[in-house]
Amino acid sequence: MKLTMTNEGRVSPPLYLNYGDIRKSYFCLKALDHTIRQNIITAIEDLEENATAKLVAQALKLEQSVVTKHLNILSRAKLVAGKKNKANQVIYSLDEKMIGKAIKLASVLSVDK
């Protein structure tokens, strides 16, 4: 779609922005834009079905409280999900569909040099 400016200074065709979607996309990309959170995603992928906050913290040599804080951010951004197992431990898994959408969005928004 090609956007042009009208004589009245408006964009044609009109843009219909869903600010809720923009806010969600921003939050998701911001959640990914942190080295610790990127490392947590990699650790969850490596640990597969055993990705507890404790094991992720051990793998990254970080305090569990730091990992938990970042896992909460990733969870709120819908990039990871936690589910309790029979031992009442929270096992984290990646939402690969959401991560894929975020990567696609980032690539579309990146400026070519």
N, C-alpha and C. Protein backbone atom coordinates (compact mmCIF):
# COMPACT_ATOMS: atom_id res chain seq x y z
N MET A 1 0.85 -1.16 0.00
CA MET A 1 0.00 0.00 0.00
C MET A 1 0.90 1.23 0.00
N LYS A 2 0.64 2.14 -0.91
CA LYS A 2 1.41 3.37 -1.01
C LYS A 2 0.61 4.50 -0.36
N LEU A 3 1.27 5.21 0.55
CA LEU A 3 0.63 6.34 1.22
C LEU A 3 1.06 7.62 0.53
N THR A 4 0.11 8.52 0.36
CA THR A 4 0.41 9.83 -0.22
C THR A 4 -0.21 10.90 0.65
N MET A 5 0.28 12.13 0.48
CA MET A 5 -0.28 13.26 1.22
C MET A 5 -1.28 13.99 0.33
N THR A 6 -2.43 14.31 0.90
CA THR A 6 -3.43 15.08 0.17
C THR A 6 -3.09 16.57 0.28
N ASN A 7 -3.80 17.40 -0.47
CA ASN A 7 -3.60 18.84 -0.41
C ASN A 7 -3.92 19.41 0.97
N GLU A 8 -4.75 18.69 1.71
CA GLU A 8 -5.12 19.14 3.06
C GLU A 8 -4.11 18.69 4.10
N GLY A 9 -3.05 18.00 3.69
CA GLY A 9 -2.03 17.55 4.63
C GLY A 9 -2.36 16.25 5.32
N ARG A 10 -3.31 15.52 4.78
CA ARG A 10 -3.69 14.23 5.37
C ARG A 10 -3.05 13.10 4.60
N VAL A 11 -2.94 11.96 5.25
CA VAL A 11 -2.41 10.77 4.60
C VAL A 11 -3.55 10.07 3.88
N SER A 12 -3.28 9.64 2.66
CA SER A 12 -4.27 8.90 1.89
C SER A 12 -3.66 7.59 1.43
N PRO A 13 -4.27 6.42 1.55
CA PRO A 13 -5.54 6.22 2.25
C PRO A 13 -5.37 6.45 3.74
N PRO A 14 -6.48 6.75 4.43
CA PRO A 14 -6.38 7.05 5.87
C PRO A 14 -5.80 5.87 6.65
N LEU A 15 -5.00 6.19 7.65
CA LEU A 15 -4.44 5.15 8.52
C LEU A 15 -5.41 4.88 9.66
N TYR A 16 -5.65 3.61 9.90
CA TYR A 16 -6.47 3.21 11.03
C TYR A 16 -5.57 2.45 11.98
N LEU A 17 -5.18 3.11 13.05
CA LEU A 17 -4.24 2.53 13.99
C LEU A 17 -4.98 1.96 15.18
N ASN A 18 -4.60 0.76 15.56
CA ASN A 18 -5.13 0.15 16.76
C ASN A 18 -4.08 0.36 17.85
N TYR A 19 -4.32 1.36 18.69
CA TYR A 19 -3.32 1.72 19.68
C TYR A 19 -3.11 0.63 20.73
N GLY A 20 -4.12 -0.18 20.96
CA GLY A 20 -3.95 -1.32 21.87
C GLY A 20 -2.93 -2.31 21.33
N ASP A 21 -3.03 -2.60 20.03
CA ASP A 21 -2.07 -3.49 19.39
C ASP A 21 -0.67 -2.89 19.39
N ILE A 22 -0.59 -1.59 19.15
CA ILE A 22 0.72 -0.92 19.15
C ILE A 22 1.35 -1.02 20.53
N ARG A 23 0.57 -0.80 21.58
CA ARG A 23 1.08 -0.88 22.95
C ARG A 23 1.56 -2.30 23.27
N LYS A 24 0.79 -3.31 22.85
CA LYS A 24 1.19 -4.70 23.09
C LYS A 24 2.47 -5.03 22.34
N SER A 25 2.57 -4.57 21.10
CA SER A 25 3.77 -4.84 20.30
C SER A 25 4.99 -4.17 20.91
N TYR A 26 4.82 -2.95 21.36
CA TYR A 26 5.92 -2.23 22.00
C TYR A 26 6.39 -2.97 23.24
N PHE A 27 5.45 -3.40 24.07
CA PHE A 27 5.79 -4.09 25.31
C PHE A 27 6.54 -5.40 25.01
N CYS A 28 6.09 -6.10 23.99
CA CYS A 28 6.72 -7.36 23.60
C CYS A 28 8.15 -7.13 23.11
N LEU A 29 8.34 -6.15 22.23
CA LEU A 29 9.68 -5.86 21.71
C LEU A 29 10.59 -5.33 22.82
N LYS A 30 10.05 -4.52 23.71
CA LYS A 30 10.84 -4.01 24.83
C LYS A 30 11.27 -5.15 25.75
N ALA A 31 10.40 -6.12 25.95
CA ALA A 31 10.74 -7.28 26.78
C ALA A 31 11.90 -8.06 26.17
N LEU A 32 11.94 -8.14 24.86
CA LEU A 32 13.01 -8.88 24.18
C LEU A 32 14.32 -8.10 24.12
N ASP A 33 14.26 -6.80 24.32
CA ASP A 33 15.43 -5.94 24.18
C ASP A 33 16.21 -5.84 25.48
N HIS A 34 16.61 -6.99 26.01
CA HIS A 34 17.40 -7.03 27.24
C HIS A 34 18.24 -8.30 27.22
N THR A 35 19.51 -8.16 27.47
CA THR A 35 20.44 -9.29 27.37
C THR A 35 20.05 -10.44 28.30
N ILE A 36 19.69 -10.13 29.54
CA ILE A 36 19.33 -11.20 30.49
C ILE A 36 18.11 -11.95 29.99
N ARG A 37 17.11 -11.24 29.49
CA ARG A 37 15.90 -11.90 29.00
C ARG A 37 16.18 -12.72 27.75
N GLN A 38 17.05 -12.23 26.90
CA GLN A 38 17.45 -13.00 25.72
C GLN A 38 18.15 -14.29 26.16
N ASN A 39 19.02 -14.20 27.17
CA ASN A 39 19.70 -15.38 27.69
C ASN A 39 18.73 -16.34 28.36
N ILE A 40 17.72 -15.80 29.03
CA ILE A 40 16.70 -16.65 29.67
C ILE A 40 15.95 -17.44 28.60
N ILE A 41 15.59 -16.80 27.51
CA ILE A 41 14.89 -17.49 26.42
C ILE A 41 15.75 -18.63 25.89
N THR A 42 17.03 -18.37 25.71
CA THR A 42 17.94 -19.41 25.23
C THR A 42 18.04 -20.55 26.24
N ALA A 43 18.12 -20.21 27.53
CA ALA A 43 18.21 -21.24 28.58
C ALA A 43 16.94 -22.09 28.63
N ILE A 44 15.78 -21.46 28.50
CA ILE A 44 14.52 -22.21 28.50
C ILE A 44 14.50 -23.18 27.32
N GLU A 45 14.96 -22.70 26.18
CA GLU A 45 15.01 -23.56 24.99
C GLU A 45 15.95 -24.74 25.23
N ASP A 46 17.09 -24.49 25.85
CA ASP A 46 18.07 -25.55 26.12
C ASP A 46 17.58 -26.55 27.16
N LEU A 47 16.88 -26.05 28.19
CA LEU A 47 16.42 -26.92 29.27
C LEU A 47 15.17 -27.71 28.91
N GLU A 48 14.50 -27.32 27.85
CA GLU A 48 13.28 -27.97 27.36
C GLU A 48 12.22 -28.08 28.45
N GLU A 49 11.83 -29.29 28.83
CA GLU A 49 10.73 -29.46 29.80
C GLU A 49 11.16 -29.32 31.25
N ASN A 50 12.40 -28.92 31.51
CA ASN A 50 12.90 -28.80 32.88
C ASN A 50 13.20 -27.36 33.27
N ALA A 51 12.63 -26.41 32.59
CA ALA A 51 13.01 -25.01 32.77
C ALA A 51 12.30 -24.36 33.96
N THR A 52 12.81 -24.63 35.15
CA THR A 52 12.34 -23.93 36.34
C THR A 52 13.19 -22.68 36.51
N ALA A 53 12.71 -21.73 37.30
CA ALA A 53 13.48 -20.51 37.56
C ALA A 53 14.83 -20.87 38.18
N LYS A 54 14.84 -21.86 39.06
CA LYS A 54 16.07 -22.27 39.73
C LYS A 54 17.09 -22.81 38.72
N LEU A 55 16.65 -23.68 37.81
CA LEU A 55 17.58 -24.26 36.83
C LEU A 55 18.05 -23.21 35.81
N VAL A 56 17.16 -22.30 35.44
CA VAL A 56 17.55 -21.22 34.53
C VAL A 56 18.60 -20.34 35.23
N ALA A 57 18.37 -20.02 36.50
CA ALA A 57 19.33 -19.21 37.26
C ALA A 57 20.68 -19.90 37.36
N GLN A 58 20.67 -21.20 37.62
CA GLN A 58 21.92 -21.95 37.69
C GLN A 58 22.64 -21.95 36.34
N ALA A 59 21.90 -22.15 35.27
CA ALA A 59 22.49 -22.19 33.93
C ALA A 59 23.13 -20.85 33.56
N LEU A 60 22.52 -19.76 34.02
CA LEU A 60 23.02 -18.43 33.67
C LEU A 60 23.92 -17.82 34.75
N LYS A 61 24.08 -18.57 35.85
CA LYS A 61 24.89 -18.08 36.98
C LYS A 61 24.39 -16.73 37.49
N LEU A 62 23.07 -16.68 37.71
CA LEU A 62 22.41 -15.50 38.23
C LEU A 62 21.63 -15.87 39.48
N GLU A 63 21.29 -14.88 40.27
CA GLU A 63 20.42 -15.10 41.42
C GLU A 63 19.02 -15.48 40.92
N GLN A 64 18.38 -16.39 41.63
CA GLN A 64 17.04 -16.83 41.22
C GLN A 64 16.06 -15.66 41.23
N SER A 65 16.21 -14.74 42.16
CA SER A 65 15.29 -13.59 42.22
C SER A 65 15.40 -12.71 40.97
N VAL A 66 16.61 -12.58 40.43
CA VAL A 66 16.81 -11.80 39.20
C VAL A 66 16.12 -12.50 38.04
N VAL A 67 16.31 -13.81 37.95
CA VAL A 67 15.69 -14.58 36.87
C VAL A 67 14.17 -14.52 36.98
N THR A 68 13.65 -14.65 38.18
CA THR A 68 12.20 -14.60 38.39
C THR A 68 11.63 -13.26 37.96
N LYS A 69 12.32 -12.17 38.29
CA LYS A 69 11.88 -10.84 37.87
C LYS A 69 11.78 -10.76 36.35
N HIS A 70 12.79 -11.25 35.66
CA HIS A 70 12.80 -11.19 34.20
C HIS A 70 11.80 -12.18 33.59
N LEU A 71 11.61 -13.32 34.22
CA LEU A 71 10.59 -14.26 33.75
C LEU A 71 9.20 -13.64 33.83
N ASN A 72 8.95 -12.86 34.87
CA ASN A 72 7.66 -12.18 35.00
C ASN A 72 7.44 -11.19 33.87
N ILE A 73 8.48 -10.48 33.49
CA ILE A 73 8.38 -9.54 32.37
C ILE A 73 8.08 -10.30 31.08
N LEU A 74 8.81 -11.39 30.85
CA LEU A 74 8.58 -12.20 29.65
C LEU A 74 7.19 -12.83 29.65
N SER A 75 6.71 -13.20 30.82
CA SER A 75 5.36 -13.77 30.93
C SER A 75 4.29 -12.74 30.62
N ARG A 76 4.44 -11.53 31.16
CA ARG A 76 3.46 -10.47 30.89
C ARG A 76 3.44 -10.10 29.41
N ALA A 77 4.59 -10.25 28.74
CA ALA A 77 4.66 -9.98 27.30
C ALA A 77 4.18 -11.17 26.48
N LYS A 78 3.76 -12.24 27.16
CA LYS A 78 3.25 -13.46 26.51
C LYS A 78 4.31 -14.19 25.69
N LEU A 79 5.59 -14.01 26.04
CA LEU A 79 6.68 -14.67 25.33
C LEU A 79 7.02 -16.01 25.97
N VAL A 80 6.77 -16.14 27.26
CA VAL A 80 6.93 -17.42 27.96
C VAL A 80 5.69 -17.67 28.79
N ALA A 81 5.47 -18.93 29.10
CA ALA A 81 4.34 -19.31 29.95
C ALA A 81 4.85 -20.25 31.02
N GLY A 82 4.29 -20.11 32.21
CA GLY A 82 4.65 -20.99 33.30
C GLY A 82 3.48 -21.89 33.65
N LYS A 83 3.81 -23.16 33.92
CA LYS A 83 2.78 -24.13 34.28
C LYS A 83 3.32 -24.99 35.43
N LYS A 84 2.51 -25.17 36.45
CA LYS A 84 2.95 -25.97 37.59
C LYS A 84 2.92 -27.45 37.25
N ASN A 85 3.96 -28.15 37.73
CA ASN A 85 4.00 -29.60 37.55
C ASN A 85 3.48 -30.28 38.82
N LYS A 86 3.59 -31.59 38.87
CA LYS A 86 3.08 -32.34 40.02
C LYS A 86 3.80 -32.00 41.31
N ALA A 87 5.05 -31.60 41.22
CA ALA A 87 5.84 -31.22 42.40
C ALA A 87 5.61 -29.76 42.79
N ASN A 88 4.62 -29.12 42.16
CA ASN A 88 4.25 -27.73 42.42
C ASN A 88 5.35 -26.74 42.01
N GLN A 89 6.22 -27.15 41.10
CA GLN A 89 7.23 -26.26 40.54
C GLN A 89 6.67 -25.64 39.27
N VAL A 90 7.04 -24.39 39.01
CA VAL A 90 6.62 -23.74 37.78
C VAL A 90 7.64 -24.07 36.70
N ILE A 91 7.17 -24.69 35.64
CA ILE A 91 8.00 -25.03 34.50
C ILE A 91 7.69 -24.01 33.40
N TYR A 92 8.73 -23.36 32.90
CA TYR A 92 8.55 -22.33 31.88
C TYR A 92 8.78 -22.90 30.50
N SER A 93 7.97 -22.43 29.56
CA SER A 93 8.13 -22.82 28.16
C SER A 93 7.98 -21.57 27.30
N LEU A 94 8.54 -21.65 26.11
CA LEU A 94 8.49 -20.52 25.19
C LEU A 94 7.19 -20.55 24.40
N ASP A 95 6.65 -19.38 24.14
CA ASP A 95 5.55 -19.26 23.20
C ASP A 95 6.19 -18.93 21.87
N GLU A 96 6.54 -19.97 21.13
CA GLU A 96 7.30 -19.80 19.89
C GLU A 96 6.52 -18.99 18.85
N LYS A 97 5.21 -19.11 18.87
CA LYS A 97 4.40 -18.34 17.92
C LYS A 97 4.53 -16.85 18.21
N MET A 98 4.45 -16.48 19.48
CA MET A 98 4.56 -15.07 19.85
C MET A 98 5.98 -14.55 19.61
N ILE A 99 6.98 -15.36 19.91
CA ILE A 99 8.36 -14.94 19.65
C ILE A 99 8.57 -14.76 18.15
N GLY A 100 8.01 -15.65 17.36
CA GLY A 100 8.10 -15.53 15.90
C GLY A 100 7.46 -14.24 15.41
N LYS A 101 6.29 -13.90 15.97
CA LYS A 101 5.62 -12.66 15.59
C LYS A 101 6.49 -11.44 15.94
N ALA A 102 7.11 -11.49 17.12
CA ALA A 102 7.95 -10.38 17.55
C ALA A 102 9.16 -10.22 16.64
N ILE A 103 9.76 -11.34 16.26
CA ILE A 103 10.92 -11.30 15.36
C ILE A 103 10.50 -10.74 14.01
N LYS A 104 9.34 -11.17 13.51
CA LYS A 104 8.85 -10.68 12.22
C LYS A 104 8.58 -9.18 12.30
N LEU A 105 7.95 -8.74 13.37
CA LEU A 105 7.66 -7.33 13.55
C LEU A 105 8.94 -6.51 13.60
N ALA A 106 9.92 -7.00 14.35
CA ALA A 106 11.20 -6.29 14.46
C ALA A 106 11.88 -6.19 13.10
N SER A 107 11.81 -7.25 12.31
CA SER A 107 12.47 -7.21 11.00
C SER A 107 11.75 -6.25 10.05
N VAL A 108 10.43 -6.16 10.16
CA VAL A 108 9.67 -5.23 9.32
C VAL A 108 9.99 -3.78 9.71
N LEU A 109 10.16 -3.55 11.00
CA LEU A 109 10.39 -2.19 11.47
C LEU A 109 11.84 -1.75 11.35
N SER A 110 12.76 -2.67 11.19
CA SER A 110 14.18 -2.30 11.13
C SER A 110 14.44 -1.48 9.88
N VAL A 111 15.29 -0.52 10.04
CA VAL A 111 15.60 0.38 8.94
C VAL A 111 16.78 -0.18 8.15
N ASP A 112 16.61 -0.30 6.84
CA ASP A 112 17.71 -0.75 5.99
C ASP A 112 18.71 0.38 5.84
N LYS A 113 19.97 0.00 5.90
CA LYS A 113 21.02 1.03 5.75
C LYS A 113 21.49 1.11 4.34
